[in-house]
Amino acid sequence: MGKRKKSSRGPQAKKKEVLPTTFTCLFCNHENAVSVKLDKKAGVGQLDCRICGQKFQCAVNYLSAAVDVYGEWVDAADAVAKEDAAANDGYTGTARRRQPRPAGGDDEDAGGYDGDGIVGDDDEI
């Protein structure tokens, strides 16, 4: 008595995962609005948003993919944002600035309340 012979199957082809070529826009936040085109002969990667019209170009080589162009765009936008923040001394809000205190010591009543302050009760028993 022997074992049953199993039917032999050929090697299964592995599915190659495809990297995306459309991404979310950094400026208008629309998903799948940014498309990337690679021209490897010219060595240029082009990225453009079909909603807000944002465009970006960078140099690519024969190993580059669409994700690489998008990553360089993110890095470039981040660098510009940091540069602007440094130019504005880090102030990006709309809050009012504090008025400087008048010189002359730590006088609590200076320019403020002119009342009697805390008054003790005279009705104590």
PDB file of N, CA and C in Angstrom:
ATOM      1  N   MET A   1       0.831  -1.174   0.000  1.00  0.00           N
ATOM      2  CA  MET A   1       0.000   0.000   0.000  1.00  0.00           C
ATOM      3  C   MET A   1       0.879   1.242   0.000  1.00  0.00           C
ATOM      4  N   GLY A   2       0.643   2.051  -0.961  1.00  0.00           N
ATOM      5  CA  GLY A   2       1.446   3.254  -1.079  1.00  0.00           C
ATOM      6  C   GLY A   2       0.599   4.505  -0.921  1.00  0.00           C
ATOM      7  N   LYS A   3       1.253   5.623  -0.893  1.00  0.00           N
ATOM      8  CA  LYS A   3       0.551   6.905  -0.772  1.00  0.00           C
ATOM      9  C   LYS A   3      -0.009   7.289  -2.122  1.00  0.00           C
ATOM     10  N   ARG A   4      -1.034   8.110  -2.052  1.00  0.00           N
ATOM     11  CA  ARG A   4      -1.590   8.638  -3.299  1.00  0.00           C
ATOM     12  C   ARG A   4      -0.651   9.666  -3.888  1.00  0.00           C
ATOM     13  N   LYS A   5      -0.591   9.671  -5.152  1.00  0.00           N
ATOM     14  CA  LYS A   5       0.276  10.624  -5.827  1.00  0.00           C
ATOM     15  C   LYS A   5      -0.461  11.963  -5.960  1.00  0.00           C
ATOM     16  N   LYS A   6       0.159  12.990  -5.459  1.00  0.00           N
ATOM     17  CA  LYS A   6      -0.457  14.317  -5.540  1.00  0.00           C
ATOM     18  C   LYS A   6      -0.160  14.904  -6.911  1.00  0.00           C
ATOM     19  N   SER A   7      -1.121  15.622  -7.407  1.00  0.00           N
ATOM     20  CA  SER A   7      -0.875  16.283  -8.687  1.00  0.00           C
ATOM     21  C   SER A   7       0.104  17.426  -8.459  1.00  0.00           C
ATOM     22  N   SER A   8       1.052  17.514  -9.292  1.00  0.00           N
ATOM     23  CA  SER A   8       2.072  18.540  -9.102  1.00  0.00           C
ATOM     24  C   SER A   8       1.600  19.852  -9.716  1.00  0.00           C
ATOM     25  N   ARG A   9       1.837  20.875  -9.006  1.00  0.00           N
ATOM     26  CA  ARG A   9       1.487  22.211  -9.491  1.00  0.00           C
ATOM     27  C   ARG A   9       2.773  22.944  -9.823  1.00  0.00           C
ATOM     28  N   GLY A  10       2.693  23.793 -10.792  1.00  0.00           N
ATOM     29  CA  GLY A  10       3.850  24.592 -11.178  1.00  0.00           C
ATOM     30  C   GLY A  10       4.092  25.693 -10.167  1.00  0.00           C
ATOM     31  N   PRO A  11       5.220  26.327 -10.252  1.00  0.00           N
ATOM     32  CA  PRO A  11       5.499  27.421  -9.305  1.00  0.00           C
ATOM     33  C   PRO A  11       4.502  28.567  -9.513  1.00  0.00           C
ATOM     34  N   GLN A  12       4.022  29.077  -8.395  1.00  0.00           N
ATOM     35  CA  GLN A  12       3.054  30.175  -8.481  1.00  0.00           C
ATOM     36  C   GLN A  12       3.798  31.490  -8.666  1.00  0.00           C
ATOM     37  N   ALA A  13       3.270  32.308  -9.545  1.00  0.00           N
ATOM     38  CA  ALA A  13       3.869  33.612  -9.816  1.00  0.00           C
ATOM     39  C   ALA A  13       3.566  34.553  -8.656  1.00  0.00           C
ATOM     40  N   LYS A  14       4.580  35.240  -8.170  1.00  0.00           N
ATOM     41  CA  LYS A  14       4.394  36.195  -7.085  1.00  0.00           C
ATOM     42  C   LYS A  14       3.854  37.495  -7.666  1.00  0.00           C
ATOM     43  N   LYS A  15       2.871  38.040  -6.979  1.00  0.00           N
ATOM     44  CA  LYS A  15       2.297  39.300  -7.437  1.00  0.00           C
ATOM     45  C   LYS A  15       3.217  40.435  -7.022  1.00  0.00           C
ATOM     46  N   LYS A  16       3.575  41.231  -7.975  1.00  0.00           N
ATOM     47  CA  LYS A  16       4.429  42.379  -7.709  1.00  0.00           C
ATOM     48  C   LYS A  16       3.552  43.543  -7.256  1.00  0.00           C
ATOM     49  N   GLU A  17       3.878  44.083  -6.088  1.00  0.00           N
ATOM     50  CA  GLU A  17       3.108  45.218  -5.587  1.00  0.00           C
ATOM     51  C   GLU A  17       3.486  46.461  -6.378  1.00  0.00           C
ATOM     52  N   VAL A  18       2.486  47.153  -6.863  1.00  0.00           N
ATOM     53  CA  VAL A  18       2.698  48.337  -7.672  1.00  0.00           C
ATOM     54  C   VAL A  18       2.671  49.559  -6.754  1.00  0.00           C
ATOM     55  N   LEU A  19       3.684  50.405  -6.879  1.00  0.00           N
ATOM     56  CA  LEU A  19       3.715  51.638  -6.096  1.00  0.00           C
ATOM     57  C   LEU A  19       2.725  52.640  -6.675  1.00  0.00           C
ATOM     58  N   PRO A  20       2.101  53.446  -5.827  1.00  0.00           N
ATOM     59  CA  PRO A  20       1.112  54.404  -6.332  1.00  0.00           C
ATOM     60  C   PRO A  20       1.752  55.515  -7.161  1.00  0.00           C
ATOM     61  N   THR A  21       0.950  56.078  -8.058  1.00  0.00           N
ATOM     62  CA  THR A  21       1.403  57.223  -8.852  1.00  0.00           C
ATOM     63  C   THR A  21       0.527  58.442  -8.612  1.00  0.00           C
ATOM     64  N   THR A  22      -0.535  58.301  -7.804  1.00  0.00           N
ATOM     65  CA  THR A  22      -1.371  59.446  -7.428  1.00  0.00           C
ATOM     66  C   THR A  22      -1.342  59.571  -5.911  1.00  0.00           C
ATOM     67  N   PHE A  23      -1.317  60.818  -5.450  1.00  0.00           N
ATOM     68  CA  PHE A  23      -1.124  61.071  -4.027  1.00  0.00           C
ATOM     69  C   PHE A  23      -2.053  62.180  -3.555  1.00  0.00           C
ATOM     70  N   THR A  24      -2.008  62.452  -2.242  1.00  0.00           N
ATOM     71  CA  THR A  24      -2.773  63.530  -1.631  1.00  0.00           C
ATOM     72  C   THR A  24      -1.988  64.833  -1.742  1.00  0.00           C
ATOM     73  N   CYS A  25      -2.678  65.899  -2.097  1.00  0.00           N
ATOM     74  CA  CYS A  25      -2.026  67.211  -2.242  1.00  0.00           C
ATOM     75  C   CYS A  25      -1.745  67.797  -0.859  1.00  0.00           C
ATOM     76  N   LEU A  26      -0.563  68.372  -0.700  1.00  0.00           N
ATOM     77  CA  LEU A  26      -0.182  68.989   0.568  1.00  0.00           C
ATOM     78  C   LEU A  26      -0.904  70.304   0.818  1.00  0.00           C
ATOM     79  N   PHE A  27      -1.314  70.964  -0.246  1.00  0.00           N
ATOM     80  CA  PHE A  27      -1.875  72.303  -0.113  1.00  0.00           C
ATOM     81  C   PHE A  27      -3.401  72.318  -0.071  1.00  0.00           C
ATOM     82  N   CYS A  28      -4.053  71.493  -0.913  1.00  0.00           N
ATOM     83  CA  CYS A  28      -5.522  71.501  -0.922  1.00  0.00           C
ATOM     84  C   CYS A  28      -6.112  70.265  -0.247  1.00  0.00           C
ATOM     85  N   ASN A  29      -5.288  69.295   0.151  1.00  0.00           N
ATOM     86  CA  ASN A  29      -5.678  68.086   0.881  1.00  0.00           C
ATOM     87  C   ASN A  29      -6.673  67.200   0.144  1.00  0.00           C
ATOM     88  N   HIS A  30      -6.727  67.265  -1.169  1.00  0.00           N
ATOM     89  CA  HIS A  30      -7.575  66.348  -1.937  1.00  0.00           C
ATOM     90  C   HIS A  30      -6.811  65.043  -2.166  1.00  0.00           C
ATOM     91  N   GLU A  31      -7.476  63.939  -1.931  1.00  0.00           N
ATOM     92  CA  GLU A  31      -6.840  62.639  -2.140  1.00  0.00           C
ATOM     93  C   GLU A  31      -6.827  62.291  -3.620  1.00  0.00           C
ATOM     94  N   ASN A  32      -5.795  61.626  -4.057  1.00  0.00           N
ATOM     95  CA  ASN A  32      -5.605  61.193  -5.442  1.00  0.00           C
ATOM     96  C   ASN A  32      -5.703  62.343  -6.443  1.00  0.00           C
ATOM     97  N   ALA A  33      -5.298  63.531  -6.029  1.00  0.00           N
ATOM     98  CA  ALA A  33      -5.343  64.692  -6.910  1.00  0.00           C
ATOM     99  C   ALA A  33      -3.980  64.984  -7.534  1.00  0.00           C
ATOM    100  N   VAL A  34      -2.927  64.487  -6.926  1.00  0.00           N
ATOM    101  CA  VAL A  34      -1.574  64.753  -7.404  1.00  0.00           C
ATOM    102  C   VAL A  34      -1.111  63.575  -8.244  1.00  0.00           C
ATOM    103  N   SER A  35      -0.736  63.854  -9.485  1.00  0.00           N
ATOM    104  CA  SER A  35      -0.216  62.798 -10.348  1.00  0.00           C
ATOM    105  C   SER A  35       1.252  63.084 -10.649  1.00  0.00           C
ATOM    106  N   VAL A  36       2.016  62.008 -10.771  1.00  0.00           N
ATOM    107  CA  VAL A  36       3.453  62.113 -11.004  1.00  0.00           C
ATOM    108  C   VAL A  36       3.780  61.467 -12.339  1.00  0.00           C
ATOM    109  N   LYS A  37       4.577  62.170 -13.125  1.00  0.00           N
ATOM    110  CA  LYS A  37       5.038  61.631 -14.409  1.00  0.00           C
ATOM    111  C   LYS A  37       6.562  61.638 -14.400  1.00  0.00           C
ATOM    112  N   LEU A  38       7.148  60.515 -14.795  1.00  0.00           N
ATOM    113  CA  LEU A  38       8.599  60.392 -14.837  1.00  0.00           C
ATOM    114  C   LEU A  38       9.081  60.333 -16.281  1.00  0.00           C
ATOM    115  N   ASP A  39      10.044  61.160 -16.605  1.00  0.00           N
ATOM    116  CA  ASP A  39      10.706  61.102 -17.904  1.00  0.00           C
ATOM    117  C   ASP A  39      12.158  60.723 -17.628  1.00  0.00           C
ATOM    118  N   LYS A  40      12.411  59.416 -17.625  1.00  0.00           N
ATOM    119  CA  LYS A  40      13.733  58.936 -17.224  1.00  0.00           C
ATOM    120  C   LYS A  40      14.806  59.263 -18.253  1.00  0.00           C
ATOM    121  N   LYS A  41      14.436  59.386 -19.516  1.00  0.00           N
ATOM    122  CA  LYS A  41      15.424  59.758 -20.538  1.00  0.00           C
ATOM    123  C   LYS A  41      15.926  61.173 -20.308  1.00  0.00           C
ATOM    124  N   ALA A  42      14.997  62.085 -20.002  1.00  0.00           N
ATOM    125  CA  ALA A  42      15.376  63.475 -19.747  1.00  0.00           C
ATOM    126  C   ALA A  42      15.856  63.665 -18.305  1.00  0.00           C
ATOM    127  N   GLY A  43      15.558  62.708 -17.433  1.00  0.00           N
ATOM    128  CA  GLY A  43      15.981  62.801 -16.037  1.00  0.00           C
ATOM    129  C   GLY A  43      15.158  63.776 -15.229  1.00  0.00           C
ATOM    130  N   VAL A  44      13.858  63.891 -15.553  1.00  0.00           N
ATOM    131  CA  VAL A  44      12.991  64.852 -14.881  1.00  0.00           C
ATOM    132  C   VAL A  44      11.737  64.152 -14.375  1.00  0.00           C
ATOM    133  N   GLY A  45      11.367  64.440 -13.148  1.00  0.00           N
ATOM    134  CA  GLY A  45      10.099  63.985 -12.592  1.00  0.00           C
ATOM    135  C   GLY A  45       9.186  65.176 -12.396  1.00  0.00           C
ATOM    136  N   GLN A  46       7.954  65.083 -12.905  1.00  0.00           N
ATOM    137  CA  GLN A  46       7.011  66.192 -12.800  1.00  0.00           C
ATOM    138  C   GLN A  46       5.834  65.763 -11.939  1.00  0.00           C
ATOM    139  N   LEU A  47       5.397  66.670 -11.088  1.00  0.00           N
ATOM    140  CA  LEU A  47       4.287  66.427 -10.179  1.00  0.00           C
ATOM    141  C   LEU A  47       3.323  67.594 -10.316  1.00  0.00           C
ATOM    142  N   ASP A  48       2.026  67.325 -10.466  1.00  0.00           N
ATOM    143  CA  ASP A  48       1.062  68.428 -10.512  1.00  0.00           C
ATOM    144  C   ASP A  48      -0.270  67.990  -9.921  1.00  0.00           C
ATOM    145  N   CYS A  49      -0.911  68.945  -9.249  1.00  0.00           N
ATOM    146  CA  CYS A  49      -2.221  68.729  -8.632  1.00  0.00           C
ATOM    147  C   CYS A  49      -3.285  69.202  -9.616  1.00  0.00           C
ATOM    148  N   ARG A  50      -4.263  68.358  -9.868  1.00  0.00           N
ATOM    149  CA  ARG A  50      -5.298  68.738 -10.827  1.00  0.00           C
ATOM    150  C   ARG A  50      -6.369  69.627 -10.197  1.00  0.00           C
ATOM    151  N   ILE A  51      -6.370  69.772  -8.867  1.00  0.00           N
ATOM    152  CA  ILE A  51      -7.361  70.615  -8.195  1.00  0.00           C
ATOM    153  C   ILE A  51      -6.834  72.049  -8.033  1.00  0.00           C
ATOM    154  N   CYS A  52      -5.695  72.190  -7.350  1.00  0.00           N
ATOM    155  CA  CYS A  52      -5.198  73.541  -7.052  1.00  0.00           C
ATOM    156  C   CYS A  52      -4.108  74.006  -8.008  1.00  0.00           C
ATOM    157  N   GLY A  53      -3.606  73.129  -8.895  1.00  0.00           N
ATOM    158  CA  GLY A  53      -2.634  73.532  -9.894  1.00  0.00           C
ATOM    159  C   GLY A  53      -1.199  73.603  -9.400  1.00  0.00           C
ATOM    160  N   GLN A  54      -0.933  73.109  -8.216  1.00  0.00           N
ATOM    161  CA  GLN A  54       0.430  73.117  -7.679  1.00  0.00           C
ATOM    162  C   GLN A  54       1.330  72.234  -8.537  1.00  0.00           C
ATOM    163  N   LYS A  55       2.532  72.705  -8.856  1.00  0.00           N
ATOM    164  CA  LYS A  55       3.458  71.953  -9.709  1.00  0.00           C
ATOM    165  C   LYS A  55       4.817  71.872  -9.057  1.00  0.00           C
ATOM    166  N   PHE A  56       5.556  70.793  -9.388  1.00  0.00           N
ATOM    167  CA  PHE A  56       6.891  70.584  -8.844  1.00  0.00           C
ATOM    168  C   PHE A  56       7.690  69.740  -9.819  1.00  0.00           C
ATOM    169  N   GLN A  57       8.974  70.054  -9.969  1.00  0.00           N
ATOM    170  CA  GLN A  57       9.874  69.271 -10.819  1.00  0.00           C
ATOM    171  C   GLN A  57      11.143  68.975 -10.049  1.00  0.00           C
ATOM    172  N   CYS A  58      11.699  67.784 -10.301  1.00  0.00           N
ATOM    173  CA  CYS A  58      12.975  67.445  -9.688  1.00  0.00           C
ATOM    174  C   CYS A  58      13.721  66.478 -10.596  1.00  0.00           C
ATOM    175  N   ALA A  59      14.997  66.321 -10.312  1.00  0.00           N
ATOM    176  CA  ALA A  59      15.839  65.414 -11.089  1.00  0.00           C
ATOM    177  C   ALA A  59      15.610  63.976 -10.627  1.00  0.00           C
ATOM    178  N   VAL A  60      15.566  63.047 -11.576  1.00  0.00           N
ATOM    179  CA  VAL A  60      15.394  61.630 -11.262  1.00  0.00           C
ATOM    180  C   VAL A  60      16.477  60.830 -11.977  1.00  0.00           C
ATOM    181  N   ASN A  61      16.687  59.600 -11.508  1.00  0.00           N
ATOM    182  CA  ASN A  61      17.615  58.706 -12.187  1.00  0.00           C
ATOM    183  C   ASN A  61      16.866  57.427 -12.571  1.00  0.00           C
ATOM    184  N   TYR A  62      17.577  56.437 -13.042  1.00  0.00           N
ATOM    185  CA  TYR A  62      16.915  55.237 -13.546  1.00  0.00           C
ATOM    186  C   TYR A  62      16.287  54.397 -12.429  1.00  0.00           C
ATOM    187  N   LEU A  63      16.655  54.636 -11.171  1.00  0.00           N
ATOM    188  CA  LEU A  63      16.073  53.905 -10.044  1.00  0.00           C
ATOM    189  C   LEU A  63      14.881  54.623  -9.417  1.00  0.00           C
ATOM    190  N   SER A  64      14.640  55.862  -9.786  1.00  0.00           N
ATOM    191  CA  SER A  64      13.594  56.661  -9.148  1.00  0.00           C
ATOM    192  C   SER A  64      12.208  56.164  -9.503  1.00  0.00           C
ATOM    193  N   ALA A  65      11.288  56.354  -8.572  1.00  0.00           N
ATOM    194  CA  ALA A  65       9.880  56.018  -8.758  1.00  0.00           C
ATOM    195  C   ALA A  65       9.043  57.257  -8.437  1.00  0.00           C
ATOM    196  N   ALA A  66       7.736  57.160  -8.675  1.00  0.00           N
ATOM    197  CA  ALA A  66       6.836  58.290  -8.423  1.00  0.00           C
ATOM    198  C   ALA A  66       6.850  58.683  -6.947  1.00  0.00           C
ATOM    199  N   VAL A  67       7.004  57.703  -6.068  1.00  0.00           N
ATOM    200  CA  VAL A  67       7.040  57.968  -4.634  1.00  0.00           C
ATOM    201  C   VAL A  67       8.237  58.859  -4.284  1.00  0.00           C
ATOM    202  N   ASP A  68       9.346  58.675  -4.983  1.00  0.00           N
ATOM    203  CA  ASP A  68      10.534  59.479  -4.720  1.00  0.00           C
ATOM    204  C   ASP A  68      10.311  60.947  -5.063  1.00  0.00           C
ATOM    205  N   VAL A  69       9.614  61.215  -6.155  1.00  0.00           N
ATOM    206  CA  VAL A  69       9.313  62.597  -6.549  1.00  0.00           C
ATOM    207  C   VAL A  69       8.377  63.228  -5.526  1.00  0.00           C
ATOM    208  N   TYR A  70       7.370  62.473  -5.085  1.00  0.00           N
ATOM    209  CA  TYR A  70       6.445  62.983  -4.071  1.00  0.00           C
ATOM    210  C   TYR A  70       7.185  63.262  -2.763  1.00  0.00           C
ATOM    211  N   GLY A  71       8.088  62.376  -2.382  1.00  0.00           N
ATOM    212  CA  GLY A  71       8.869  62.578  -1.165  1.00  0.00           C
ATOM    213  C   GLY A  71       9.743  63.814  -1.233  1.00  0.00           C
ATOM    214  N   GLU A  72      10.347  64.070  -2.380  1.00  0.00           N
ATOM    215  CA  GLU A  72      11.153  65.285  -2.532  1.00  0.00           C
ATOM    216  C   GLU A  72      10.284  66.533  -2.463  1.00  0.00           C
ATOM    217  N   TRP A  73       9.058  66.441  -2.980  1.00  0.00           N
ATOM    218  CA  TRP A  73       8.129  67.570  -2.908  1.00  0.00           C
ATOM    219  C   TRP A  73       7.764  67.866  -1.456  1.00  0.00           C
ATOM    220  N   VAL A  74       7.499  66.826  -0.689  1.00  0.00           N
ATOM    221  CA  VAL A  74       7.173  66.995   0.730  1.00  0.00           C
ATOM    222  C   VAL A  74       8.357  67.631   1.458  1.00  0.00           C
ATOM    223  N   ASP A  75       9.561  67.142   1.188  1.00  0.00           N
ATOM    224  CA  ASP A  75      10.750  67.699   1.830  1.00  0.00           C
ATOM    225  C   ASP A  75      10.970  69.159   1.444  1.00  0.00           C
ATOM    226  N   ALA A  76      10.761  69.491   0.180  1.00  0.00           N
ATOM    227  CA  ALA A  76      10.937  70.876  -0.277  1.00  0.00           C
ATOM    228  C   ALA A  76       9.898  71.797   0.366  1.00  0.00           C
ATOM    229  N   ALA A  77       8.656  71.344   0.460  1.00  0.00           N
ATOM    230  CA  ALA A  77       7.607  72.159   1.081  1.00  0.00           C
ATOM    231  C   ALA A  77       7.893  72.357   2.565  1.00  0.00           C
ATOM    232  N   ASP A  78       8.397  71.326   3.229  1.00  0.00           N
ATOM    233  CA  ASP A  78       8.745  71.422   4.644  1.00  0.00           C
ATOM    234  C   ASP A  78       9.904  72.397   4.848  1.00  0.00           C
ATOM    235  N   ALA A  79      10.889  72.348   3.972  1.00  0.00           N
ATOM    236  CA  ALA A  79      12.036  73.263   4.080  1.00  0.00           C
ATOM    237  C   ALA A  79      11.602  74.710   3.899  1.00  0.00           C
ATOM    238  N   VAL A  80      10.695  74.957   2.965  1.00  0.00           N
ATOM    239  CA  VAL A  80      10.190  76.323   2.749  1.00  0.00           C
ATOM    240  C   VAL A  80       9.396  76.795   3.956  1.00  0.00           C
ATOM    241  N   ALA A  81       8.607  75.903   4.544  1.00  0.00           N
ATOM    242  CA  ALA A  81       7.824  76.273   5.722  1.00  0.00           C
ATOM    243  C   ALA A  81       8.730  76.604   6.901  1.00  0.00           C
ATOM    244  N   LYS A  82       9.795  75.830   7.084  1.00  0.00           N
ATOM    245  CA  LYS A  82      10.728  76.118   8.176  1.00  0.00           C
ATOM    246  C   LYS A  82      11.468  77.429   7.930  1.00  0.00           C
ATOM    247  N   GLU A  83      11.797  77.696   6.676  1.00  0.00           N
ATOM    248  CA  GLU A  83      12.485  78.937   6.335  1.00  0.00           C
ATOM    249  C   GLU A  83      11.589  80.142   6.614  1.00  0.00           C
ATOM    250  N   ASP A  84      10.303  80.034   6.274  1.00  0.00           N
ATOM    251  CA  ASP A  84       9.362  81.118   6.548  1.00  0.00           C
ATOM    252  C   ASP A  84       9.161  81.311   8.041  1.00  0.00           C
ATOM    253  N   ALA A  85       9.124  80.214   8.791  1.00  0.00           N
ATOM    254  CA  ALA A  85       8.948  80.305  10.237  1.00  0.00           C
ATOM    255  C   ALA A  85      10.155  80.982  10.882  1.00  0.00           C
ATOM    256  N   ALA A  86      11.339  80.707  10.383  1.00  0.00           N
ATOM    257  CA  ALA A  86      12.545  81.341  10.916  1.00  0.00           C
ATOM    258  C   ALA A  86      12.558  82.828  10.575  1.00  0.00           C
ATOM    259  N   ALA A  87      12.060  83.190   9.412  1.00  0.00           N
ATOM    260  CA  ALA A  87      12.019  84.599   9.017  1.00  0.00           C
ATOM    261  C   ALA A  87      11.021  85.380   9.860  1.00  0.00           C
ATOM    262  N   ASN A  88       9.961  84.713  10.306  1.00  0.00           N
ATOM    263  CA  ASN A  88       8.936  85.372  11.117  1.00  0.00           C
ATOM    264  C   ASN A  88       9.183  85.181  12.603  1.00  0.00           C
ATOM    265  N   ASP A  89      10.377  84.736  12.995  1.00  0.00           N
ATOM    266  CA  ASP A  89      10.732  84.483  14.389  1.00  0.00           C
ATOM    267  C   ASP A  89       9.786  83.496  15.052  1.00  0.00           C
ATOM    268  N   GLY A  90       9.241  82.577  14.273  1.00  0.00           N
ATOM    269  CA  GLY A  90       8.394  81.545  14.841  1.00  0.00           C
ATOM    270  C   GLY A  90       6.982  81.999  15.136  1.00  0.00           C
ATOM    271  N   TYR A  91       6.634  83.254  14.906  1.00  0.00           N
ATOM    272  CA  TYR A  91       5.300  83.755  15.203  1.00  0.00           C
ATOM    273  C   TYR A  91       4.394  83.492  14.013  1.00  0.00           C
ATOM    274  N   THR A  92       3.445  82.569  14.181  1.00  0.00           N
ATOM    275  CA  THR A  92       2.533  82.252  13.089  1.00  0.00           C
ATOM    276  C   THR A  92       1.078  82.481  13.468  1.00  0.00           C
ATOM    277  N   GLY A  93       0.811  82.877  14.697  1.00  0.00           N
ATOM    278  CA  GLY A  93      -0.571  83.054  15.156  1.00  0.00           C
ATOM    279  C   GLY A  93      -1.089  84.443  14.893  1.00  0.00           C
ATOM    280  N   THR A  94      -2.297  84.700  15.408  1.00  0.00           N
ATOM    281  CA  THR A  94      -2.916  86.003  15.234  1.00  0.00           C
ATOM    282  C   THR A  94      -3.204  86.660  16.578  1.00  0.00           C
ATOM    283  N   ALA A  95      -2.607  86.156  17.643  1.00  0.00           N
ATOM    284  CA  ALA A  95      -2.857  86.695  18.977  1.00  0.00           C
ATOM    285  C   ALA A  95      -2.258  88.096  19.097  1.00  0.00           C
ATOM    286  N   ARG A  96      -2.855  88.874  20.009  1.00  0.00           N
ATOM    287  CA  ARG A  96      -2.335  90.216  20.233  1.00  0.00           C
ATOM    288  C   ARG A  96      -1.027  90.130  21.002  1.00  0.00           C
ATOM    289  N   ARG A  97      -0.169  91.076  20.743  1.00  0.00           N
ATOM    290  CA  ARG A  97       1.097  91.129  21.470  1.00  0.00           C
ATOM    291  C   ARG A  97       0.884  91.831  22.804  1.00  0.00           C
ATOM    292  N   ARG A  98       1.642  91.452  23.798  1.00  0.00           N
ATOM    293  CA  ARG A  98       1.540  92.070  25.120  1.00  0.00           C
ATOM    294  C   ARG A  98       2.098  93.486  25.091  1.00  0.00           C
ATOM    295  N   GLN A  99       1.440  94.364  25.839  1.00  0.00           N
ATOM    296  CA  GLN A  99       1.923  95.719  25.987  1.00  0.00           C
ATOM    297  C   GLN A  99       3.011  95.718  27.052  1.00  0.00           C
ATOM    298  N   PRO A 100       4.113  96.399  26.818  1.00  0.00           N
ATOM    299  CA  PRO A 100       5.179  96.430  27.829  1.00  0.00           C
ATOM    300  C   PRO A 100       4.722  97.177  29.074  1.00  0.00           C
ATOM    301  N   ARG A 101       5.180  96.719  30.238  1.00  0.00           N
ATOM    302  CA  ARG A 101       4.830  97.375  31.506  1.00  0.00           C
ATOM    303  C   ARG A 101       5.621  98.667  31.651  1.00  0.00           C
ATOM    304  N   PRO A 102       5.025  99.657  32.263  1.00  0.00           N
ATOM    305  CA  PRO A 102       5.760 100.905  32.466  1.00  0.00           C
ATOM    306  C   PRO A 102       6.899 100.689  33.463  1.00  0.00           C
ATOM    307  N   ALA A 103       7.996 101.373  33.226  1.00  0.00           N
ATOM    308  CA  ALA A 103       9.143 101.266  34.119  1.00  0.00           C
ATOM    309  C   ALA A 103       8.835 101.982  35.421  1.00  0.00           C
ATOM    310  N   GLY A 104       9.436 101.490  36.499  1.00  0.00           N
ATOM    311  CA  GLY A 104       9.210 102.187  37.766  1.00  0.00           C
ATOM    312  C   GLY A 104       8.958 101.241  38.904  1.00  0.00           C
ATOM    313  N   GLY A 105       9.268  99.998  38.768  1.00  0.00           N
ATOM    314  CA  GLY A 105       9.150  99.097  39.905  1.00  0.00           C
ATOM    315  C   GLY A 105       7.957  98.173  39.798  1.00  0.00           C
ATOM    316  N   ASP A 106       7.699  97.534  40.931  1.00  0.00           N
ATOM    317  CA  ASP A 106       6.625  96.541  40.992  1.00  0.00           C
ATOM    318  C   ASP A 106       5.395  97.109  41.682  1.00  0.00           C
ATOM    319  N   ASP A 107       4.990  98.283  41.358  1.00  0.00           N
ATOM    320  CA  ASP A 107       3.813  98.902  41.963  1.00  0.00           C
ATOM    321  C   ASP A 107       2.573  98.214  41.430  1.00  0.00           C
ATOM    322  N   GLU A 108       1.793  97.565  42.299  1.00  0.00           N
ATOM    323  CA  GLU A 108       0.633  96.804  41.865  1.00  0.00           C
ATOM    324  C   GLU A 108      -0.486  97.696  41.346  1.00  0.00           C
ATOM    325  N   ASP A 109      -0.576  98.905  41.866  1.00  0.00           N
ATOM    326  CA  ASP A 109      -1.682  99.779  41.500  1.00  0.00           C
ATOM    327  C   ASP A 109      -1.353 100.661  40.302  1.00  0.00           C
ATOM    328  N   ALA A 110      -0.233 100.500  39.692  1.00  0.00           N
ATOM    329  CA  ALA A 110       0.166 101.374  38.598  1.00  0.00           C
ATOM    330  C   ALA A 110      -0.743 101.146  37.393  1.00  0.00           C
ATOM    331  N   GLY A 111      -1.533 102.133  37.055  1.00  0.00           N
ATOM    332  CA  GLY A 111      -2.370 102.092  35.870  1.00  0.00           C
ATOM    333  C   GLY A 111      -3.519 101.110  35.967  1.00  0.00           C
ATOM    334  N   GLY A 112      -3.847 100.631  37.118  1.00  0.00           N
ATOM    335  CA  GLY A 112      -4.889  99.624  37.257  1.00  0.00           C
ATOM    336  C   GLY A 112      -6.010 100.086  38.176  1.00  0.00           C
ATOM    337  N   TYR A 113      -6.356  99.277  39.104  1.00  0.00           N
ATOM    338  CA  TYR A 113      -7.467  99.498  40.022  1.00  0.00           C
ATOM    339  C   TYR A 113      -7.113 100.564  41.032  1.00  0.00           C
ATOM    340  N   ASP A 114      -7.983 101.568  41.191  1.00  0.00           N
ATOM    341  CA  ASP A 114      -7.722 102.659  42.128  1.00  0.00           C
ATOM    342  C   ASP A 114      -8.580 102.567  43.372  1.00  0.00           C
ATOM    343  N   GLY A 115      -9.163 101.409  43.649  1.00  0.00           N
ATOM    344  CA  GLY A 115     -10.056 101.252  44.803  1.00  0.00           C
ATOM    345  C   GLY A 115      -9.288 101.088  46.098  1.00  0.00           C
ATOM    346  N   ASP A 116      -9.992 100.690  47.155  1.00  0.00           N
ATOM    347  CA  ASP A 116      -9.419 100.561  48.485  1.00  0.00           C
ATOM    348  C   ASP A 116      -8.703  99.227  48.677  1.00  0.00           C
ATOM    349  N   GLY A 117      -8.847  98.324  47.764  1.00  0.00           N
ATOM    350  CA  GLY A 117      -8.217  97.019  47.932  1.00  0.00           C
ATOM    351  C   GLY A 117      -9.075  96.158  48.842  1.00  0.00           C
ATOM    352  N   ILE A 118      -8.446  95.346  49.660  1.00  0.00           N
ATOM    353  CA  ILE A 118      -9.161  94.463  50.574  1.00  0.00           C
ATOM    354  C   ILE A 118      -9.439  95.232  51.856  1.00  0.00           C
ATOM    355  N   VAL A 119     -10.711  95.253  52.245  1.00  0.00           N
ATOM    356  CA  VAL A 119     -11.129  95.979  53.438  1.00  0.00           C
ATOM    357  C   VAL A 119     -11.640  94.968  54.458  1.00  0.00           C
ATOM    358  N   GLY A 120     -11.177  95.042  55.679  1.00  0.00           N
ATOM    359  CA  GLY A 120     -11.610  94.129  56.717  1.00  0.00           C
ATOM    360  C   GLY A 120     -13.035  94.420  57.154  1.00  0.00           C
ATOM    361  N   ASP A 121     -13.710  93.415  57.699  1.00  0.00           N
ATOM    362  CA  ASP A 121     -15.072  93.588  58.213  1.00  0.00           C
ATOM    363  C   ASP A 121     -15.018  94.265  59.572  1.00  0.00           C
ATOM    364  N   ASP A 122     -15.883  95.256  59.783  1.00  0.00           N
ATOM    365  CA  ASP A 122     -15.953  95.952  61.052  1.00  0.00           C
ATOM    366  C   ASP A 122     -16.988  95.315  61.969  1.00  0.00           C
ATOM    367  N   ASP A 123     -17.744  94.362  61.451  1.00  0.00           N
ATOM    368  CA  ASP A 123     -18.834  93.785  62.226  1.00  0.00           C
ATOM    369  C   ASP A 123     -18.418  92.533  63.001  1.00  0.00           C
ATOM    370  N   GLU A 124     -17.162  92.349  63.281  1.00  0.00           N
ATOM    371  CA  GLU A 124     -16.733  91.142  63.969  1.00  0.00           C
ATOM    372  C   GLU A 124     -17.196  91.191  65.414  1.00  0.00           C
ATOM    373  N   ILE A 125     -17.537  90.045  65.952  1.00  0.00           N
ATOM    374  CA  ILE A 125     -18.046  89.985  67.333  1.00  0.00           C
ATOM    375  C   ILE A 125     -16.959  89.581  68.277  1.00  0.00           C
TER     376      ILE A 125
END
